[in-house]
C-alpha atoms as a PDB file:
ATOM      1  CA  MET A   1     -82.235  40.447 -22.845  1.00  0.00           C
ATOM      2  CA  ILE A   2     -80.743  38.300 -20.107  1.00  0.00           C
ATOM      3  CA  THR A   3     -80.475  39.647 -16.558  1.00  0.00           C
ATOM      4  CA  SER A   4     -78.966  38.517 -13.261  1.00  0.00           C
ATOM      5  CA  ASP A   5     -77.739  40.137 -10.062  1.00  0.00           C
ATOM      6  CA  THR A   6     -74.334  40.800 -11.626  1.00  0.00           C
ATOM      7  CA  MET A   7     -74.946  41.312 -15.337  1.00  0.00           C
ATOM      8  CA  ILE A   8     -77.382  42.490 -17.998  1.00  0.00           C
ATOM      9  CA  VAL A   9     -76.856  41.159 -21.514  1.00  0.00           C
ATOM     10  CA  ILE A  10     -78.633  42.779 -24.454  1.00  0.00           C
ATOM     11  CA  LEU A  11     -78.543  40.415 -27.403  1.00  0.00           C
ATOM     12  CA  ARG A  12     -78.383  41.523 -31.013  1.00  0.00           C
ATOM     13  CA  ASN A  13     -81.693  43.047 -31.987  1.00  0.00           C
ATOM     14  CA  LYS A  14     -81.214  44.634 -35.409  1.00  0.00           C
ATOM     15  CA  LEU A  15     -78.384  46.781 -34.031  1.00  0.00           C
ATOM     16  CA  PRO A  16     -75.908  47.561 -36.790  1.00  0.00           C
ATOM     17  CA  TYR A  17     -72.280  46.647 -36.089  1.00  0.00           C
ATOM     18  CA  VAL A  18     -73.059  45.232 -32.626  1.00  0.00           C
ATOM     19  CA  ASP A  19     -73.573  41.610 -31.683  1.00  0.00           C
ATOM     20  CA  GLY A  20     -74.681  42.543 -28.190  1.00  0.00           C
ATOM     21  CA  ILE A  21     -73.980  44.633 -25.123  1.00  0.00           C
ATOM     22  CA  LYS A  22     -72.925  43.294 -21.721  1.00  0.00           C
ATOM     23  CA  ILE A  23     -73.540  45.543 -18.725  1.00  0.00           C
ATOM     24  CA  LEU A  24     -71.807  44.456 -15.522  1.00  0.00           C
ATOM     25  CA  VAL A  25     -73.373  45.353 -12.200  1.00  0.00           C
ATOM     26  CA  ILE A  26     -70.485  46.365  -9.928  1.00  0.00           C
ATOM     27  CA  PRO A  27     -71.923  47.790  -6.703  1.00  0.00           C
ATOM     28  CA  ASP A  28     -68.557  48.729  -5.181  1.00  0.00           C
ATOM     29  CA  ASP A  29     -67.142  52.003  -6.584  1.00  0.00           C
ATOM     30  CA  SER A  30     -63.523  51.050  -5.882  1.00  0.00           C
ATOM     31  CA  THR A  31     -63.905  47.776  -7.785  1.00  0.00           C
ATOM     32  CA  ALA A  32     -65.632  49.517 -10.688  1.00  0.00           C
ATOM     33  CA  LEU A  33     -62.958  52.232 -10.871  1.00  0.00           C
ATOM     34  CA  ALA A  34     -60.204  49.603 -10.794  1.00  0.00           C
ATOM     35  CA  ALA A  35     -61.923  47.718 -13.620  1.00  0.00           C
ATOM     36  CA  LEU A  36     -62.143  50.937 -15.663  1.00  0.00           C
ATOM     37  CA  ARG A  37     -58.509  51.892 -14.998  1.00  0.00           C
ATOM     38  CA  THR A  38     -57.245  48.448 -16.046  1.00  0.00           C
ATOM     39  CA  GLY A  39     -59.419  48.174 -19.158  1.00  0.00           C
ATOM     40  CA  LYS A  40     -61.656  45.370 -17.832  1.00  0.00           C
ATOM     41  CA  ILE A  41     -64.679  47.592 -18.545  1.00  0.00           C
ATOM     42  CA  ASP A  42     -65.111  50.267 -21.208  1.00  0.00           C
ATOM     43  CA  LEU A  43     -67.601  52.632 -19.607  1.00  0.00           C
ATOM     44  CA  MET A  44     -68.663  53.814 -16.181  1.00  0.00           C
ATOM     45  CA  GLY A  45     -71.408  56.256 -15.329  1.00  0.00           C
ATOM     46  CA  ASN A  46     -72.389  58.344 -12.330  1.00  0.00           C
ATOM     47  CA  LEU A  47     -68.870  59.400 -11.414  1.00  0.00           C
ATOM     48  CA  SER A  48     -68.449  62.179  -8.918  1.00  0.00           C
ATOM     49  CA  ALA A  49     -66.471  65.218 -10.029  1.00  0.00           C
ATOM     50  CA  THR A  50     -63.635  64.115  -7.739  1.00  0.00           C
ATOM     51  CA  GLN A  51     -63.551  60.629  -9.283  1.00  0.00           C
ATOM     52  CA  ALA A  52     -63.568  62.088 -12.804  1.00  0.00           C
ATOM     53  CA  ASN A  53     -60.700  64.461 -11.965  1.00  0.00           C
ATOM     54  CA  ASP A  54     -58.700  61.621 -10.377  1.00  0.00           C
ATOM     55  CA  LEU A  55     -59.192  59.517 -13.515  1.00  0.00           C
ATOM     56  CA  LYS A  56     -57.916  62.374 -15.684  1.00  0.00           C
ATOM     57  CA  LYS A  57     -54.673  62.291 -13.692  1.00  0.00           C
ATOM     58  CA  THR A  58     -54.196  58.513 -13.507  1.00  0.00           C
ATOM     59  CA  ASN A  59     -55.629  57.541 -16.899  1.00  0.00           C
ATOM     60  CA  PRO A  60     -55.396  60.473 -19.336  1.00  0.00           C
ATOM     61  CA  GLU A  61     -56.260  58.127 -22.219  1.00  0.00           C
ATOM     62  CA  LEU A  62     -59.826  57.791 -20.919  1.00  0.00           C
ATOM     63  CA  VAL A  63     -62.420  60.105 -22.435  1.00  0.00           C
ATOM     64  CA  ASN A  64     -64.633  62.027 -20.029  1.00  0.00           C
ATOM     65  CA  SER A  65     -68.054  62.816 -21.481  1.00  0.00           C
ATOM     66  CA  PRO A  66     -70.052  64.740 -18.895  1.00  0.00           C
ATOM     67  CA  THR A  67     -73.789  64.331 -19.252  1.00  0.00           C
ATOM     68  CA  PRO A  68     -76.472  66.500 -17.683  1.00  0.00           C
ATOM     69  CA  PHE A  69     -78.563  65.091 -14.883  1.00  0.00           C
ATOM     70  CA  ALA A  70     -82.111  64.208 -15.808  1.00  0.00           C
ATOM     71  CA  SER A  71     -83.139  65.763 -12.533  1.00  0.00           C
ATOM     72  CA  THR A  72     -81.554  68.090 -10.072  1.00  0.00           C
ATOM     73  CA  PRO A  73     -81.537  67.842  -6.287  1.00  0.00           C
ATOM     74  CA  SER A  74     -83.551  70.693  -4.855  1.00  0.00           C
ATOM     75  CA  VAL A  75     -85.594  71.817  -1.897  1.00  0.00           C
ATOM     76  CA  ASP A  76     -89.098  72.708  -2.999  1.00  0.00           C
ATOM     77  CA  PRO A  77     -91.268  74.276  -0.306  1.00  0.00           C
ATOM     78  CA  LYS A  78     -95.047  73.860  -0.333  1.00  0.00           C
ATOM     79  CA  TYR A  79     -96.081  77.052  -2.068  1.00  0.00           C
ATOM     80  CA  GLY A  80     -99.608  76.957  -0.670  1.00  0.00           C
ATOM     81  CA  VAL A  81     -98.390  77.028   2.943  1.00  0.00           C
ATOM     82  CA  LYS A  82     -97.270  80.174   4.761  1.00  0.00           C
ATOM     83  CA  PRO A  83     -94.681  81.650   4.673  1.00  0.00           C
ATOM     84  CA  PHE A  84     -93.865  80.039   1.292  1.00  0.00           C
ATOM     85  CA  SER A  85     -97.089  81.282  -0.286  1.00  0.00           C
ATOM     86  CA  ASP A  86     -95.474  84.737  -0.258  1.00  0.00           C
ATOM     87  CA  ILE A  87     -93.364  85.210  -3.430  1.00  0.00           C
ATOM     88  CA  ASN A  88     -91.067  87.604  -1.534  1.00  0.00           C
ATOM     89  CA  VAL A  89     -90.148  84.836   0.938  1.00  0.00           C
ATOM     90  CA  ARG A  90     -89.333  82.500  -1.955  1.00  0.00           C
ATOM     91  CA  ILE A  91     -87.198  85.198  -3.634  1.00  0.00           C
ATOM     92  CA  ALA A  92     -85.332  85.863  -0.369  1.00  0.00           C
ATOM     93  CA  MET A  93     -84.662  82.143   0.091  1.00  0.00           C
ATOM     94  CA  GLN A  94     -83.343  81.856  -3.451  1.00  0.00           C
ATOM     95  CA  LYS A  95     -81.065  84.877  -3.032  1.00  0.00           C
ATOM     96  CA  ALA A  96     -79.638  83.321   0.144  1.00  0.00           C
ATOM     97  CA  ILE A  97     -78.362  80.298  -1.810  1.00  0.00           C
ATOM     98  CA  ASP A  98     -74.913  80.805  -3.367  1.00  0.00           C
ATOM     99  CA  LEU A  99     -75.316  78.725  -6.529  1.00  0.00           C
ATOM    100  CA  LYS A 100     -71.875  79.626  -7.923  1.00  0.00           C
ATOM    101  CA  THR A 101     -70.157  78.334  -4.786  1.00  0.00           C
ATOM    102  CA  ILE A 102     -72.224  75.130  -4.869  1.00  0.00           C
ATOM    103  CA  ALA A 103     -71.275  74.570  -8.522  1.00  0.00           C
ATOM    104  CA  ALA A 104     -67.599  75.306  -7.856  1.00  0.00           C
ATOM    105  CA  ASN A 105     -67.169  73.327  -4.643  1.00  0.00           C
ATOM    106  CA  TYR A 106     -69.748  70.535  -4.523  1.00  0.00           C
ATOM    107  CA  TYR A 107     -69.694  69.781  -8.261  1.00  0.00           C
ATOM    108  CA  ALA A 108     -66.024  70.799  -8.769  1.00  0.00           C
ATOM    109  CA  GLY A 109     -67.002  73.301 -11.448  1.00  0.00           C
ATOM    110  CA  GLN A 110     -68.718  70.587 -13.506  1.00  0.00           C
ATOM    111  CA  ALA A 111     -72.266  71.860 -13.067  1.00  0.00           C
ATOM    112  CA  PHE A 112     -74.597  74.613 -14.117  1.00  0.00           C
ATOM    113  CA  CYS A 113     -76.728  75.603 -11.149  1.00  0.00           C
ATOM    114  CA  ARG A 114     -79.782  77.695 -11.741  1.00  0.00           C
ATOM    115  CA  PRO A 115     -82.567  79.019  -9.530  1.00  0.00           C
ATOM    116  CA  ILE A 116     -85.818  77.125  -9.246  1.00  0.00           C
ATOM    117  CA  ASN A 117     -88.981  78.535 -10.799  1.00  0.00           C
ATOM    118  CA  LEU A 118     -90.320  80.867  -8.120  1.00  0.00           C
ATOM    119  CA  ASN A 119     -93.646  81.511  -9.823  1.00  0.00           C
ATOM    120  CA  ILE A 120     -95.106  78.053  -9.242  1.00  0.00           C
ATOM    121  CA  LYS A 121     -98.332  78.286  -7.267  1.00  0.00           C
END
């Protein structure tokens, strides 16, 4: 593997049908999106739902493959500290969060939001 500030190159290492993989580091989203739209790059990750929807309109030939997050942003109170040590407080907090609206608006319908585990002690 060869790395620099702008590129990671993975050389052939018993990979069938592949001589190597070149990963460009493009810190600016606009530049990366332009490179994807014009075919300069083949893949881009971590797109927002808005960016993905825009790409569907401008470049319908591109394939969108949503992948689940390895982790989910959440607020996790300290369960051993009052009032969060009371399960009823945790249930009330969870019921106050409109997960369907968050999924529809923040993630543009591209997410499955679920409640956190309230039984953690």
